[in-house]
Amino acid sequence: MAKSGLTAANKKIAGGGATSGFQKISDGVVSGYTGVEDRFVDWYLTRDGESTAMAKERLRKEEARRRKEAQTMARVRAHKPGREPGV
């Protein structure tokens, strides 16, 4: 009896029953988050005449620039006179 129950469960998983349900939930969550993100960017982070997509791209570039500057500053602070950086 237990073996047939496991076999049935394995067939259900292999048939996509469990994974398709998870995929539907995952798609719904991602879609909802993307909508909230777009509205937030549109309301608070866009500049005059800028679309939501343009604002997101600008923000990505600004973040990349800040991260690069932070890495550079960390290297400068780590360097001590008379020693090679990273040693």
C-alpha atoms as a PDB file:
ATOM      1  CA  MET A   1       0.000   0.000   0.000  1.00  0.00           C
ATOM      2  CA  ALA A   2       2.749   2.459   0.937  1.00  0.00           C
ATOM      3  CA  LYS A   3       4.728   1.619  -2.159  1.00  0.00           C
ATOM      4  CA  SER A   4       1.809   2.341  -4.467  1.00  0.00           C
ATOM      5  CA  GLY A   5       1.265   5.693  -2.701  1.00  0.00           C
ATOM      6  CA  LEU A   6       4.886   6.651  -3.329  1.00  0.00           C
ATOM      7  CA  THR A   7       4.603   5.536  -6.930  1.00  0.00           C
ATOM      8  CA  ALA A   8       1.510   7.679  -7.414  1.00  0.00           C
ATOM      9  CA  ALA A   9       3.242  10.684  -5.820  1.00  0.00           C
ATOM     10  CA  ASN A  10       6.301  10.220  -8.031  1.00  0.00           C
ATOM     11  CA  LYS A  11       4.110  10.037 -11.139  1.00  0.00           C
ATOM     12  CA  LYS A  12       2.305  13.221 -10.114  1.00  0.00           C
ATOM     13  CA  ILE A  13       5.615  15.065  -9.606  1.00  0.00           C
ATOM     14  CA  ALA A  14       7.054  13.723 -12.856  1.00  0.00           C
ATOM     15  CA  GLY A  15       3.875  14.706 -14.697  1.00  0.00           C
ATOM     16  CA  GLY A  16       4.351  18.331 -13.672  1.00  0.00           C
ATOM     17  CA  GLY A  17       1.421  18.567 -11.258  1.00  0.00           C
ATOM     18  CA  ALA A  18       3.438  19.871  -8.339  1.00  0.00           C
ATOM     19  CA  THR A  19       5.889  21.942 -10.348  1.00  0.00           C
ATOM     20  CA  SER A  20       3.258  23.622 -12.513  1.00  0.00           C
ATOM     21  CA  GLY A  21       1.454  24.823  -9.377  1.00  0.00           C
ATOM     22  CA  PHE A  22       4.688  26.222  -7.995  1.00  0.00           C
ATOM     23  CA  GLN A  23       5.425  27.917 -11.327  1.00  0.00           C
ATOM     24  CA  LYS A  24       2.016  29.612 -11.344  1.00  0.00           C
ATOM     25  CA  ILE A  25       2.551  30.939  -7.823  1.00  0.00           C
ATOM     26  CA  SER A  26       6.084  32.069  -8.667  1.00  0.00           C
ATOM     27  CA  ASP A  27       4.916  33.875 -11.825  1.00  0.00           C
ATOM     28  CA  GLY A  28       2.182  35.641  -9.868  1.00  0.00           C
ATOM     29  CA  VAL A  29       4.572  36.820  -7.161  1.00  0.00           C
ATOM     30  CA  VAL A  30       7.148  38.085  -9.654  1.00  0.00           C
ATOM     31  CA  SER A  31       4.473  39.834 -11.699  1.00  0.00           C
ATOM     32  CA  GLY A  32       3.068  41.529  -8.595  1.00  0.00           C
ATOM     33  CA  TYR A  33       6.494  42.655  -7.429  1.00  0.00           C
ATOM     34  CA  THR A  34       7.369  44.038 -10.868  1.00  0.00           C
ATOM     35  CA  GLY A  35       4.150  46.051 -10.909  1.00  0.00           C
ATOM     36  CA  VAL A  36       4.835  47.534  -7.473  1.00  0.00           C
ATOM     37  CA  GLU A  37       8.432  48.304  -8.456  1.00  0.00           C
ATOM     38  CA  ASP A  38       7.347  50.049 -11.662  1.00  0.00           C
ATOM     39  CA  ARG A  39       4.785  52.195  -9.822  1.00  0.00           C
ATOM     40  CA  PHE A  40       7.324  53.154  -7.143  1.00  0.00           C
ATOM     41  CA  VAL A  41       9.911  54.162  -9.740  1.00  0.00           C
ATOM     42  CA  ASP A  42       7.264  56.077 -11.696  1.00  0.00           C
ATOM     43  CA  TRP A  43       5.954  57.980  -8.678  1.00  0.00           C
ATOM     44  CA  TYR A  44       9.179  58.720  -6.785  1.00  0.00           C
ATOM     45  CA  LEU A  45      12.278  58.247  -8.933  1.00  0.00           C
ATOM     46  CA  THR A  46      11.511  59.512 -12.440  1.00  0.00           C
ATOM     47  CA  ARG A  47      12.695  62.911 -13.541  1.00  0.00           C
ATOM     48  CA  ASP A  48      10.822  65.321 -15.815  1.00  0.00           C
ATOM     49  CA  GLY A  49       9.889  63.643 -19.093  1.00  0.00           C
ATOM     50  CA  GLU A  50      11.619  60.386 -18.168  1.00  0.00           C
ATOM     51  CA  SER A  51       9.878  57.044 -18.631  1.00  0.00           C
ATOM     52  CA  THR A  52       9.935  54.312 -15.997  1.00  0.00           C
ATOM     53  CA  ALA A  53      12.307  52.208 -18.124  1.00  0.00           C
ATOM     54  CA  MET A  54      14.664  55.150 -18.610  1.00  0.00           C
ATOM     55  CA  ALA A  55      14.647  55.852 -14.862  1.00  0.00           C
ATOM     56  CA  LYS A  56      15.437  52.209 -14.049  1.00  0.00           C
ATOM     57  CA  GLU A  57      18.368  52.243 -16.483  1.00  0.00           C
ATOM     58  CA  ARG A  58      19.659  55.518 -15.019  1.00  0.00           C
ATOM     59  CA  LEU A  59      19.410  54.086 -11.501  1.00  0.00           C
ATOM     60  CA  ARG A  60      21.274  50.909 -12.547  1.00  0.00           C
ATOM     61  CA  LYS A  61      24.096  52.993 -14.012  1.00  0.00           C
ATOM     62  CA  GLU A  62      24.285  55.237 -10.931  1.00  0.00           C
ATOM     63  CA  GLU A  63      24.437  52.193  -8.656  1.00  0.00           C
ATOM     64  CA  ALA A  64      27.207  50.614 -10.760  1.00  0.00           C
ATOM     65  CA  ARG A  65      29.184  53.865 -10.606  1.00  0.00           C
ATOM     66  CA  ARG A  66      28.755  54.075  -6.795  1.00  0.00           C
ATOM     67  CA  ARG A  67      29.873  50.460  -6.354  1.00  0.00           C
ATOM     68  CA  LYS A  68      32.947  51.025  -8.510  1.00  0.00           C
ATOM     69  CA  GLU A  69      33.862  54.151  -6.529  1.00  0.00           C
ATOM     70  CA  ALA A  70      33.395  52.270  -3.250  1.00  0.00           C
ATOM     71  CA  GLN A  71      35.703  49.474  -4.432  1.00  0.00           C
ATOM     72  CA  THR A  72      38.317  52.023  -5.473  1.00  0.00           C
ATOM     73  CA  MET A  73      38.119  53.781  -2.115  1.00  0.00           C
ATOM     74  CA  ALA A  74      38.400  50.452  -0.281  1.00  0.00           C
ATOM     75  CA  ARG A  75      41.600  49.690  -2.200  1.00  0.00           C
ATOM     76  CA  VAL A  76      42.999  53.134  -1.418  1.00  0.00           C
ATOM     77  CA  ARG A  77      42.229  52.764   2.294  1.00  0.00           C
ATOM     78  CA  ALA A  78      43.726  49.262   2.364  1.00  0.00           C
ATOM     79  CA  HIS A  79      47.016  50.492   0.913  1.00  0.00           C
ATOM     80  CA  LYS A  80      49.569  51.267   3.580  1.00  0.00           C
ATOM     81  CA  PRO A  81      52.810  53.096   2.789  1.00  0.00           C
ATOM     82  CA  GLY A  82      55.669  50.722   2.085  1.00  0.00           C
ATOM     83  CA  ARG A  83      53.376  47.807   1.240  1.00  0.00           C
ATOM     84  CA  GLU A  84      51.836  46.636  -1.971  1.00  0.00           C
ATOM     85  CA  PRO A  85      48.016  46.808  -2.078  1.00  0.00           C
ATOM     86  CA  GLY A  86      46.383  43.528  -1.168  1.00  0.00           C
ATOM     87  CA  VAL A  87      49.417  42.144   0.682  1.00  0.00           C
END
